[in-house]
Amino acid sequence: RGDFRGFMQGYVRDETLRFASGGSVQRGWQQTLERYQKRYNSPAKMGRLSFEDLEIRVLSGDWAEVFGRFVLKRDPSVGDATGLFTLLLAREGHDWRVLHDHTSSAEQK
């Protein structure tokens, strides 16, 4: 839908958020939002995101790990993207939020 703020509701909304991808680290909710907005700044680049092969491990009552594959179907002019991710989730009240996101893209063919 192109709703970055809606997508980011699943992330911890403060400076403790860490997003690692492409050999760099982004810290903070606002900075991560701006990274997404800059990187996916058109409908062709945004595409349709889905997740596969999810493995969820509850580590304790307050922590969980999610491992899986992302699949981004995009306009042929941009090309599809896929890769792996690991998320560390922290419980905030009744909700789970991503505290750490480590995403790696597979090489394009």
N, C-alpha and C. Protein backbone atom coordinates (compact mmCIF):
# COMPACT_ATOMS: atom_id res chain seq x y z
N ARG A 1 0.82 -1.21 0.00
CA ARG A 1 0.00 0.00 0.00
C ARG A 1 0.85 1.26 0.00
N GLY A 2 2.15 1.11 0.18
CA GLY A 2 3.00 2.29 0.25
C GLY A 2 2.91 3.01 1.58
N ASP A 3 2.40 2.33 2.59
CA ASP A 3 2.20 2.92 3.91
C ASP A 3 3.39 2.57 4.80
N PHE A 4 4.46 3.35 4.67
CA PHE A 4 5.66 3.07 5.45
C PHE A 4 5.42 3.20 6.94
N ARG A 5 4.67 4.22 7.34
CA ARG A 5 4.41 4.41 8.77
C ARG A 5 3.61 3.22 9.34
N GLY A 6 2.67 2.72 8.57
CA GLY A 6 1.92 1.54 8.99
C GLY A 6 2.81 0.33 9.13
N PHE A 7 3.70 0.12 8.15
CA PHE A 7 4.65 -0.99 8.20
C PHE A 7 5.54 -0.86 9.42
N MET A 8 5.97 0.34 9.72
CA MET A 8 6.90 0.58 10.83
C MET A 8 6.23 0.49 12.21
N GLN A 9 4.89 0.33 12.26
CA GLN A 9 4.23 0.17 13.56
C GLN A 9 4.69 -1.10 14.26
N GLY A 10 5.24 -2.05 13.49
CA GLY A 10 5.74 -3.27 14.08
C GLY A 10 7.13 -3.17 14.65
N TYR A 11 7.72 -1.97 14.60
CA TYR A 11 9.08 -1.75 15.09
C TYR A 11 9.06 -0.93 16.39
N VAL A 12 10.04 -1.16 17.25
CA VAL A 12 10.21 -0.36 18.47
C VAL A 12 10.37 1.09 18.04
N ARG A 13 9.60 1.97 18.64
CA ARG A 13 9.57 3.36 18.19
C ARG A 13 10.47 4.25 19.06
N ASP A 14 11.76 3.96 19.04
CA ASP A 14 12.72 4.81 19.72
C ASP A 14 14.12 4.57 19.14
N GLU A 15 15.11 5.10 19.80
CA GLU A 15 16.49 5.05 19.29
C GLU A 15 17.17 3.70 19.49
N THR A 16 16.53 2.76 20.22
CA THR A 16 17.15 1.46 20.44
C THR A 16 16.98 0.53 19.23
N LEU A 17 16.09 0.88 18.30
CA LEU A 17 15.90 0.07 17.11
C LEU A 17 17.20 0.03 16.30
N ARG A 18 17.55 -1.18 15.83
CA ARG A 18 18.75 -1.36 15.00
C ARG A 18 18.35 -2.13 13.75
N PHE A 19 18.66 -1.56 12.58
CA PHE A 19 18.37 -2.20 11.30
C PHE A 19 19.69 -2.36 10.57
N ALA A 20 20.09 -3.61 10.31
CA ALA A 20 21.36 -3.89 9.63
C ALA A 20 21.07 -4.52 8.28
N SER A 21 21.64 -3.95 7.22
CA SER A 21 21.45 -4.47 5.88
C SER A 21 22.47 -3.84 4.94
N GLY A 22 22.89 -4.61 3.96
CA GLY A 22 23.80 -4.06 2.95
C GLY A 22 25.11 -3.55 3.51
N GLY A 23 25.57 -4.14 4.58
CA GLY A 23 26.85 -3.73 5.16
C GLY A 23 26.79 -2.48 6.00
N SER A 24 25.59 -1.97 6.27
CA SER A 24 25.48 -0.76 7.10
C SER A 24 24.44 -0.97 8.19
N VAL A 25 24.50 -0.12 9.20
CA VAL A 25 23.59 -0.19 10.33
C VAL A 25 22.87 1.14 10.46
N GLN A 26 21.56 1.07 10.57
CA GLN A 26 20.72 2.25 10.80
C GLN A 26 20.15 2.12 12.20
N ARG A 27 20.23 3.17 12.98
CA ARG A 27 19.69 3.14 14.34
C ARG A 27 18.57 4.15 14.48
N GLY A 28 17.54 3.75 15.22
CA GLY A 28 16.43 4.63 15.49
C GLY A 28 15.25 4.44 14.56
N TRP A 29 14.04 4.62 15.11
CA TRP A 29 12.81 4.42 14.35
C TRP A 29 12.69 5.41 13.21
N GLN A 30 12.86 6.69 13.49
CA GLN A 30 12.71 7.72 12.46
C GLN A 30 13.74 7.55 11.35
N GLN A 31 14.96 7.25 11.70
CA GLN A 31 16.02 7.06 10.71
C GLN A 31 15.74 5.84 9.83
N THR A 32 15.20 4.78 10.43
CA THR A 32 14.86 3.59 9.66
C THR A 32 13.69 3.88 8.72
N LEU A 33 12.70 4.61 9.19
CA LEU A 33 11.59 5.04 8.33
C LEU A 33 12.11 5.83 7.14
N GLU A 34 13.00 6.77 7.38
CA GLU A 34 13.55 7.59 6.30
C GLU A 34 14.36 6.75 5.32
N ARG A 35 15.05 5.72 5.80
CA ARG A 35 15.80 4.81 4.92
C ARG A 35 14.84 4.10 3.97
N TYR A 36 13.75 3.56 4.52
CA TYR A 36 12.75 2.90 3.69
C TYR A 36 12.17 3.87 2.65
N GLN A 37 11.82 5.08 3.09
CA GLN A 37 11.23 6.06 2.17
C GLN A 37 12.18 6.43 1.04
N LYS A 38 13.46 6.53 1.35
CA LYS A 38 14.45 6.89 0.33
C LYS A 38 14.71 5.72 -0.63
N ARG A 39 14.84 4.52 -0.07
CA ARG A 39 15.18 3.35 -0.88
C ARG A 39 14.03 2.89 -1.78
N TYR A 40 12.81 3.04 -1.31
CA TYR A 40 11.62 2.59 -2.04
C TYR A 40 10.73 3.78 -2.35
N ASN A 41 11.28 4.71 -3.12
CA ASN A 41 10.63 6.01 -3.34
C ASN A 41 9.68 6.06 -4.53
N SER A 42 9.32 4.91 -5.08
CA SER A 42 8.35 4.89 -6.18
C SER A 42 7.58 3.57 -6.11
N PRO A 43 6.38 3.53 -6.69
CA PRO A 43 5.62 2.27 -6.70
C PRO A 43 6.39 1.13 -7.37
N ALA A 44 7.17 1.43 -8.41
CA ALA A 44 7.95 0.39 -9.10
C ALA A 44 8.99 -0.23 -8.17
N LYS A 45 9.65 0.59 -7.35
CA LYS A 45 10.66 0.09 -6.41
C LYS A 45 10.02 -0.60 -5.21
N MET A 46 8.83 -0.14 -4.84
CA MET A 46 8.15 -0.67 -3.67
C MET A 46 7.66 -2.09 -3.89
N GLY A 47 6.95 -2.33 -4.97
CA GLY A 47 6.45 -3.66 -5.28
C GLY A 47 5.51 -4.21 -4.23
N ARG A 48 5.40 -5.55 -4.22
CA ARG A 48 4.54 -6.24 -3.26
C ARG A 48 5.40 -7.17 -2.42
N LEU A 49 5.39 -6.95 -1.11
CA LEU A 49 6.24 -7.68 -0.17
C LEU A 49 5.50 -8.86 0.43
N SER A 50 6.19 -10.00 0.48
CA SER A 50 5.64 -11.17 1.18
C SER A 50 6.78 -11.86 1.92
N PHE A 51 6.39 -12.78 2.80
CA PHE A 51 7.37 -13.50 3.62
C PHE A 51 7.14 -14.99 3.47
N GLU A 52 8.23 -15.77 3.48
CA GLU A 52 8.16 -17.21 3.33
C GLU A 52 9.08 -17.88 4.35
N ASP A 53 8.85 -19.17 4.53
CA ASP A 53 9.74 -20.02 5.34
C ASP A 53 9.97 -19.45 6.74
N LEU A 54 8.92 -18.94 7.35
CA LEU A 54 9.06 -18.32 8.67
C LEU A 54 9.33 -19.36 9.75
N GLU A 55 10.30 -19.05 10.58
CA GLU A 55 10.61 -19.84 11.77
C GLU A 55 10.53 -18.89 12.96
N ILE A 56 9.64 -19.18 13.88
CA ILE A 56 9.44 -18.31 15.04
C ILE A 56 9.82 -19.09 16.28
N ARG A 57 10.69 -18.49 17.07
CA ARG A 57 11.13 -19.12 18.32
C ARG A 57 10.88 -18.13 19.46
N VAL A 58 10.04 -18.51 20.40
CA VAL A 58 9.81 -17.70 21.58
C VAL A 58 10.93 -18.01 22.56
N LEU A 59 11.73 -16.99 22.88
CA LEU A 59 12.90 -17.18 23.74
C LEU A 59 12.54 -17.05 25.21
N SER A 60 11.55 -16.22 25.50
CA SER A 60 11.05 -16.03 26.87
C SER A 60 9.70 -15.31 26.75
N GLY A 61 9.15 -14.93 27.87
CA GLY A 61 7.89 -14.20 27.84
C GLY A 61 8.01 -12.82 27.22
N ASP A 62 9.23 -12.31 27.11
CA ASP A 62 9.44 -10.95 26.60
C ASP A 62 10.25 -10.88 25.32
N TRP A 63 10.78 -12.01 24.84
CA TRP A 63 11.66 -12.00 23.67
C TRP A 63 11.30 -13.12 22.71
N ALA A 64 11.43 -12.83 21.42
CA ALA A 64 11.21 -13.85 20.39
C ALA A 64 12.13 -13.56 19.21
N GLU A 65 12.42 -14.62 18.45
CA GLU A 65 13.25 -14.51 17.25
C GLU A 65 12.42 -15.00 16.06
N VAL A 66 12.51 -14.26 14.96
CA VAL A 66 11.85 -14.67 13.72
C VAL A 66 12.91 -14.72 12.63
N PHE A 67 12.94 -15.84 11.91
CA PHE A 67 13.85 -16.01 10.78
C PHE A 67 12.99 -16.33 9.57
N GLY A 68 13.36 -15.81 8.41
CA GLY A 68 12.60 -16.12 7.22
C GLY A 68 13.19 -15.51 5.97
N ARG A 69 12.42 -15.61 4.91
CA ARG A 69 12.80 -15.06 3.60
C ARG A 69 11.78 -14.00 3.21
N PHE A 70 12.28 -12.88 2.71
CA PHE A 70 11.39 -11.88 2.14
C PHE A 70 11.41 -12.03 0.62
N VAL A 71 10.28 -11.75 0.00
CA VAL A 71 10.15 -11.78 -1.45
C VAL A 71 9.48 -10.49 -1.86
N LEU A 72 10.17 -9.74 -2.69
CA LEU A 72 9.65 -8.45 -3.15
C LEU A 72 9.43 -8.55 -4.66
N LYS A 73 8.17 -8.64 -5.07
CA LYS A 73 7.80 -8.70 -6.49
C LYS A 73 7.63 -7.27 -6.98
N ARG A 74 8.43 -6.91 -7.99
CA ARG A 74 8.42 -5.52 -8.47
C ARG A 74 8.29 -5.45 -9.98
N ASP A 75 8.13 -4.25 -10.46
CA ASP A 75 8.07 -3.96 -11.88
C ASP A 75 9.32 -4.52 -12.56
N PRO A 76 9.18 -5.13 -13.75
CA PRO A 76 10.35 -5.69 -14.44
C PRO A 76 11.46 -4.67 -14.69
N SER A 77 11.12 -3.39 -14.78
CA SER A 77 12.16 -2.38 -14.99
C SER A 77 13.09 -2.25 -13.79
N VAL A 78 12.61 -2.65 -12.63
CA VAL A 78 13.41 -2.59 -11.39
C VAL A 78 13.94 -3.98 -11.03
N GLY A 79 13.11 -5.00 -11.22
CA GLY A 79 13.49 -6.36 -10.89
C GLY A 79 13.07 -6.77 -9.49
N ASP A 80 12.77 -8.05 -9.35
CA ASP A 80 12.38 -8.60 -8.06
C ASP A 80 13.58 -8.66 -7.11
N ALA A 81 13.30 -8.82 -5.83
CA ALA A 81 14.35 -8.96 -4.83
C ALA A 81 13.92 -10.02 -3.82
N THR A 82 14.89 -10.70 -3.27
CA THR A 82 14.63 -11.68 -2.23
C THR A 82 15.85 -11.75 -1.32
N GLY A 83 15.66 -12.31 -0.16
CA GLY A 83 16.76 -12.46 0.78
C GLY A 83 16.27 -13.00 2.10
N LEU A 84 17.18 -13.08 3.05
CA LEU A 84 16.89 -13.63 4.37
C LEU A 84 16.87 -12.52 5.41
N PHE A 85 16.16 -12.78 6.50
CA PHE A 85 16.14 -11.82 7.60
C PHE A 85 16.04 -12.55 8.92
N THR A 86 16.57 -11.92 9.95
CA THR A 86 16.40 -12.36 11.33
C THR A 86 15.93 -11.16 12.13
N LEU A 87 14.86 -11.35 12.87
CA LEU A 87 14.30 -10.29 13.71
C LEU A 87 14.39 -10.71 15.18
N LEU A 88 14.74 -9.77 16.03
CA LEU A 88 14.63 -9.95 17.47
C LEU A 88 13.48 -9.09 17.92
N LEU A 89 12.45 -9.71 18.49
CA LEU A 89 11.25 -8.99 18.91
C LEU A 89 11.21 -8.88 20.42
N ALA A 90 10.77 -7.73 20.89
CA ALA A 90 10.59 -7.47 22.32
C ALA A 90 9.11 -7.23 22.58
N ARG A 91 8.63 -7.75 23.68
CA ARG A 91 7.23 -7.53 24.04
C ARG A 91 7.07 -6.14 24.64
N GLU A 92 6.07 -5.42 24.13
CA GLU A 92 5.68 -4.11 24.69
C GLU A 92 4.22 -4.22 25.06
N GLY A 93 3.94 -4.47 26.34
CA GLY A 93 2.55 -4.69 26.76
C GLY A 93 2.04 -5.98 26.14
N HIS A 94 0.97 -5.89 25.35
CA HIS A 94 0.41 -7.06 24.68
C HIS A 94 0.96 -7.24 23.27
N ASP A 95 1.78 -6.31 22.81
CA ASP A 95 2.29 -6.32 21.43
C ASP A 95 3.74 -6.75 21.37
N TRP A 96 4.13 -7.26 20.22
CA TRP A 96 5.52 -7.58 19.93
C TRP A 96 6.04 -6.55 18.95
N ARG A 97 7.26 -6.05 19.17
CA ARG A 97 7.87 -5.05 18.30
C ARG A 97 9.28 -5.50 17.93
N VAL A 98 9.69 -5.19 16.70
CA VAL A 98 11.03 -5.50 16.23
C VAL A 98 12.02 -4.55 16.88
N LEU A 99 12.99 -5.10 17.58
CA LEU A 99 14.06 -4.31 18.19
C LEU A 99 15.30 -4.35 17.30
N HIS A 100 15.53 -5.50 16.65
CA HIS A 100 16.69 -5.66 15.78
C HIS A 100 16.25 -6.38 14.51
N ASP A 101 16.59 -5.84 13.35
CA ASP A 101 16.27 -6.41 12.05
C ASP A 101 17.57 -6.53 11.27
N HIS A 102 17.96 -7.75 10.95
CA HIS A 102 19.15 -7.98 10.13
C HIS A 102 18.68 -8.65 8.84
N THR A 103 18.75 -7.92 7.73
CA THR A 103 18.24 -8.37 6.44
C THR A 103 19.38 -8.44 5.44
N SER A 104 19.44 -9.54 4.68
CA SER A 104 20.45 -9.67 3.64
C SER A 104 19.76 -10.03 2.34
N SER A 105 20.12 -9.34 1.27
CA SER A 105 19.55 -9.61 -0.04
C SER A 105 20.38 -10.63 -0.78
N ALA A 106 19.71 -11.50 -1.51
CA ALA A 106 20.41 -12.44 -2.37
C ALA A 106 20.86 -11.71 -3.63
N GLU A 107 21.91 -12.23 -4.26
CA GLU A 107 22.38 -11.62 -5.51
C GLU A 107 21.33 -11.74 -6.58
N GLN A 108 21.18 -10.68 -7.38
CA GLN A 108 20.24 -10.70 -8.50
C GLN A 108 20.82 -11.51 -9.64
N LYS A 109 19.98 -12.28 -10.29
CA LYS A 109 20.44 -13.08 -11.43
C LYS A 109 20.26 -12.34 -12.73
